[in-house]
């Protein structure tokens, strides 16, 4: 499978996926860091790559309708719910 990793994922994720036999490009590899989200998504669609990102904006269907995000996956950060289940003192 072909992936593009967004700038909020560490290079170790790219290496892990490459080790599993996937074709992985990163926004850094292609000079897309700090580009607007639509430009990153357009690059993914043009290359036929699935975007892996922690960016919540990509999951907003008002900004990126389902039709335009067929190559987009937002990975959930393990820290996203940190403290959510902590008991109050």
N, C-alpha and C. Protein backbone atom coordinates (compact mmCIF):
# COMPACT_ATOMS: atom_id res chain seq x y z
N UNK A 1 0.85 -1.18 0.00
CA UNK A 1 0.00 0.00 0.00
C UNK A 1 0.89 1.23 0.00
N UNK A 2 0.37 2.32 -0.55
CA UNK A 2 1.11 3.58 -0.60
C UNK A 2 0.55 4.56 0.42
N UNK A 3 1.44 5.08 1.26
CA UNK A 3 1.05 6.03 2.30
C UNK A 3 1.84 7.32 2.17
N UNK A 4 1.24 8.39 2.67
CA UNK A 4 1.97 9.63 2.92
C UNK A 4 1.74 9.96 4.38
N UNK A 5 2.83 10.20 5.10
CA UNK A 5 2.72 10.55 6.51
C UNK A 5 2.75 12.06 6.67
N UNK A 6 1.81 12.58 7.42
CA UNK A 6 1.74 14.00 7.72
C UNK A 6 2.88 14.36 8.68
N UNK A 7 3.12 15.65 8.81
CA UNK A 7 4.26 16.12 9.60
C UNK A 7 4.11 15.87 11.10
N UNK A 8 2.93 15.49 11.55
CA UNK A 8 2.73 15.27 12.99
C UNK A 8 3.00 13.82 13.40
N UNK A 9 3.47 13.00 12.49
CA UNK A 9 3.86 11.63 12.82
C UNK A 9 5.38 11.51 12.73
N UNK A 10 6.00 10.79 13.65
CA UNK A 10 7.46 10.70 13.66
C UNK A 10 8.00 9.83 12.52
N UNK A 11 9.24 10.08 12.12
CA UNK A 11 9.87 9.27 11.06
C UNK A 11 9.88 7.78 11.37
N UNK A 12 9.85 7.41 12.64
CA UNK A 12 9.85 5.99 13.01
C UNK A 12 8.61 5.27 12.47
N UNK A 13 7.50 5.97 12.31
CA UNK A 13 6.29 5.36 11.74
C UNK A 13 6.54 5.01 10.27
N UNK A 14 7.20 5.91 9.55
CA UNK A 14 7.53 5.64 8.15
C UNK A 14 8.44 4.43 8.04
N UNK A 15 9.44 4.36 8.90
CA UNK A 15 10.36 3.22 8.87
C UNK A 15 9.65 1.92 9.21
N UNK A 16 8.74 1.97 10.17
CA UNK A 16 7.97 0.77 10.53
C UNK A 16 7.16 0.28 9.34
N UNK A 17 6.45 1.19 8.67
CA UNK A 17 5.63 0.81 7.53
C UNK A 17 6.48 0.32 6.36
N UNK A 18 7.62 0.97 6.13
CA UNK A 18 8.53 0.51 5.07
C UNK A 18 9.04 -0.89 5.37
N UNK A 19 9.32 -1.15 6.64
CA UNK A 19 9.77 -2.48 7.05
C UNK A 19 8.73 -3.55 6.81
N UNK A 20 7.48 -3.14 6.76
CA UNK A 20 6.38 -4.07 6.48
C UNK A 20 6.08 -4.18 4.98
N UNK A 21 6.91 -3.50 4.17
CA UNK A 21 6.78 -3.60 2.73
C UNK A 21 5.94 -2.54 2.05
N UNK A 22 5.55 -1.51 2.78
CA UNK A 22 4.72 -0.45 2.20
C UNK A 22 5.59 0.64 1.58
N UNK A 23 5.04 1.32 0.59
CA UNK A 23 5.68 2.46 -0.06
C UNK A 23 5.24 3.70 0.73
N UNK A 24 6.19 4.34 1.41
CA UNK A 24 5.85 5.45 2.29
C UNK A 24 6.62 6.71 1.89
N UNK A 25 5.90 7.79 1.70
CA UNK A 25 6.49 9.11 1.50
C UNK A 25 6.03 9.97 2.67
N UNK A 26 6.80 10.96 3.00
CA UNK A 26 6.39 11.87 4.07
C UNK A 26 6.26 13.28 3.51
N UNK A 27 5.54 14.12 4.20
CA UNK A 27 5.43 15.51 3.75
C UNK A 27 6.82 16.16 3.77
N UNK A 28 7.70 15.73 4.66
CA UNK A 28 9.06 16.26 4.69
C UNK A 28 9.85 15.83 3.47
N UNK A 29 9.69 14.55 3.06
CA UNK A 29 10.38 14.05 1.87
C UNK A 29 10.06 14.90 0.65
N UNK A 30 8.83 15.37 0.59
CA UNK A 30 8.35 16.06 -0.60
C UNK A 30 8.23 17.57 -0.43
N UNK A 31 8.76 18.10 0.68
CA UNK A 31 8.73 19.55 0.89
C UNK A 31 7.35 20.12 1.12
N UNK A 32 6.44 19.32 1.67
CA UNK A 32 5.07 19.78 1.90
C UNK A 32 4.81 20.18 3.35
N UNK A 33 5.84 20.17 4.21
CA UNK A 33 5.62 20.56 5.59
C UNK A 33 5.14 22.01 5.65
N UNK A 34 4.23 22.26 6.54
CA UNK A 34 3.61 23.58 6.74
C UNK A 34 2.72 24.01 5.59
N UNK A 35 2.44 23.12 4.64
CA UNK A 35 1.49 23.45 3.57
C UNK A 35 0.07 23.34 4.12
N UNK A 36 -0.82 24.02 3.47
CA UNK A 36 -2.23 23.95 3.87
C UNK A 36 -2.75 22.53 3.66
N UNK A 37 -3.68 22.12 4.52
CA UNK A 37 -4.23 20.77 4.44
C UNK A 37 -4.77 20.40 3.06
N UNK A 38 -5.49 21.30 2.37
CA UNK A 38 -5.98 20.93 1.04
C UNK A 38 -4.85 20.59 0.06
N UNK A 39 -3.71 21.26 0.18
CA UNK A 39 -2.58 20.97 -0.70
C UNK A 39 -1.99 19.59 -0.40
N UNK A 40 -1.92 19.24 0.87
CA UNK A 40 -1.41 17.92 1.25
C UNK A 40 -2.36 16.84 0.76
N UNK A 41 -3.64 17.04 0.94
CA UNK A 41 -4.62 16.05 0.49
C UNK A 41 -4.61 15.93 -1.03
N UNK A 42 -4.47 17.04 -1.74
CA UNK A 42 -4.41 17.00 -3.20
C UNK A 42 -3.19 16.21 -3.67
N UNK A 43 -2.06 16.39 -2.99
CA UNK A 43 -0.86 15.63 -3.34
C UNK A 43 -1.10 14.13 -3.14
N UNK A 44 -1.75 13.77 -2.06
CA UNK A 44 -2.06 12.36 -1.79
C UNK A 44 -2.96 11.79 -2.87
N UNK A 45 -3.98 12.52 -3.22
CA UNK A 45 -4.91 12.04 -4.24
C UNK A 45 -4.22 11.91 -5.59
N UNK A 46 -3.36 12.87 -5.92
CA UNK A 46 -2.63 12.82 -7.18
C UNK A 46 -1.67 11.65 -7.27
N UNK A 47 -1.13 11.24 -6.13
CA UNK A 47 -0.17 10.14 -6.08
C UNK A 47 -0.83 8.80 -5.76
N UNK A 48 -2.12 8.83 -5.43
CA UNK A 48 -2.82 7.60 -5.06
C UNK A 48 -2.36 7.06 -3.71
N UNK A 49 -1.99 7.97 -2.81
CA UNK A 49 -1.52 7.59 -1.48
C UNK A 49 -2.59 7.83 -0.42
N UNK A 50 -2.60 7.00 0.58
CA UNK A 50 -3.46 7.22 1.74
C UNK A 50 -2.69 8.10 2.72
N UNK A 51 -3.32 9.14 3.19
CA UNK A 51 -2.70 10.05 4.14
C UNK A 51 -2.92 9.54 5.56
N UNK A 52 -1.83 9.44 6.31
CA UNK A 52 -1.91 9.12 7.74
C UNK A 52 -1.57 10.38 8.50
N UNK A 53 -2.46 10.81 9.38
CA UNK A 53 -2.29 12.08 10.08
C UNK A 53 -2.94 12.01 11.46
N UNK A 54 -2.43 12.83 12.36
CA UNK A 54 -3.08 13.03 13.66
C UNK A 54 -3.92 14.31 13.65
N UNK A 55 -3.94 14.99 12.52
CA UNK A 55 -4.62 16.28 12.37
C UNK A 55 -6.14 16.08 12.37
N UNK A 56 -6.80 16.64 13.35
CA UNK A 56 -8.26 16.52 13.46
C UNK A 56 -9.00 17.20 12.31
N UNK A 57 -8.36 18.16 11.66
CA UNK A 57 -9.03 18.86 10.56
C UNK A 57 -9.44 17.91 9.44
N UNK A 58 -8.64 16.88 9.19
CA UNK A 58 -8.96 15.95 8.11
C UNK A 58 -10.21 15.13 8.38
N UNK A 59 -10.63 15.05 9.63
CA UNK A 59 -11.85 14.29 9.94
C UNK A 59 -13.10 15.17 9.92
N UNK A 60 -12.94 16.45 9.62
CA UNK A 60 -14.06 17.38 9.57
C UNK A 60 -14.73 17.31 8.20
N UNK A 61 -15.91 16.69 8.13
CA UNK A 61 -16.57 16.52 6.84
C UNK A 61 -17.09 17.84 6.26
N UNK A 62 -17.16 18.89 7.08
CA UNK A 62 -17.56 20.19 6.55
C UNK A 62 -16.43 20.82 5.74
N UNK A 63 -15.20 20.52 6.14
CA UNK A 63 -14.03 21.05 5.45
C UNK A 63 -13.61 20.11 4.31
N UNK A 64 -13.60 18.82 4.61
CA UNK A 64 -13.21 17.80 3.64
C UNK A 64 -14.35 16.81 3.47
N UNK A 65 -15.26 17.08 2.52
CA UNK A 65 -16.38 16.16 2.30
C UNK A 65 -15.89 14.75 2.02
N UNK A 66 -16.71 13.79 2.30
CA UNK A 66 -16.36 12.38 2.14
C UNK A 66 -15.81 12.11 0.74
N UNK A 67 -16.38 12.72 -0.28
CA UNK A 67 -15.94 12.49 -1.65
C UNK A 67 -14.48 12.88 -1.83
N UNK A 68 -14.03 13.94 -1.16
CA UNK A 68 -12.66 14.41 -1.37
C UNK A 68 -11.66 13.76 -0.42
N UNK A 69 -12.11 12.95 0.52
CA UNK A 69 -11.16 12.38 1.47
C UNK A 69 -11.12 10.86 1.42
N UNK A 70 -11.27 10.33 0.23
CA UNK A 70 -11.25 8.88 0.09
C UNK A 70 -9.88 8.28 0.34
N UNK A 71 -8.85 9.11 0.40
CA UNK A 71 -7.50 8.62 0.66
C UNK A 71 -6.98 9.11 2.01
N UNK A 72 -7.86 9.45 2.92
CA UNK A 72 -7.44 10.10 4.16
C UNK A 72 -7.79 9.26 5.38
N UNK A 73 -6.81 9.07 6.23
CA UNK A 73 -7.04 8.36 7.49
C UNK A 73 -6.43 9.17 8.61
N UNK A 74 -7.23 9.45 9.63
CA UNK A 74 -6.69 10.16 10.78
C UNK A 74 -6.38 9.13 11.84
N UNK A 75 -5.10 9.02 12.16
CA UNK A 75 -4.70 8.11 13.22
C UNK A 75 -5.02 8.76 14.56
N UNK A 76 -5.43 7.97 15.51
CA UNK A 76 -5.74 8.50 16.83
C UNK A 76 -4.50 8.43 17.70
N UNK A 77 -4.16 9.52 18.29
CA UNK A 77 -3.00 9.58 19.17
C UNK A 77 -3.28 8.83 20.45
N UNK A 78 -2.30 8.08 20.96
CA UNK A 78 -2.53 7.39 22.23
C UNK A 78 -2.70 8.37 23.39
N UNK A 79 -2.31 9.62 23.19
CA UNK A 79 -2.42 10.63 24.25
C UNK A 79 -3.70 11.44 24.13
N UNK A 80 -4.50 11.18 23.11
CA UNK A 80 -5.69 11.98 22.85
C UNK A 80 -6.67 11.97 24.01
N UNK A 81 -6.81 10.85 24.68
CA UNK A 81 -7.75 10.76 25.80
C UNK A 81 -7.03 10.78 27.14
N UNK A 82 -5.77 11.21 27.14
CA UNK A 82 -4.99 11.24 28.37
C UNK A 82 -5.72 12.03 29.44
N UNK A 83 -5.90 11.45 30.56
CA UNK A 83 -6.55 12.13 31.69
C UNK A 83 -8.06 12.13 31.61
N UNK A 84 -8.61 11.67 30.53
CA UNK A 84 -10.05 11.68 30.36
C UNK A 84 -10.74 10.78 31.39
N UNK A 85 -10.06 9.69 31.73
CA UNK A 85 -10.65 8.75 32.68
C UNK A 85 -10.08 8.90 34.08
N UNK A 86 -9.27 9.92 34.27
CA UNK A 86 -8.70 10.14 35.60
C UNK A 86 -9.79 10.59 36.57
N UNK A 87 -9.67 10.12 37.80
CA UNK A 87 -10.66 10.50 38.81
C UNK A 87 -10.33 11.87 39.37
N UNK A 88 -11.34 12.63 39.64
CA UNK A 88 -11.15 13.94 40.26
C UNK A 88 -10.83 13.76 41.73
N UNK A 89 -9.95 14.64 42.26
CA UNK A 89 -9.62 14.53 43.68
C UNK A 89 -10.77 14.90 44.58
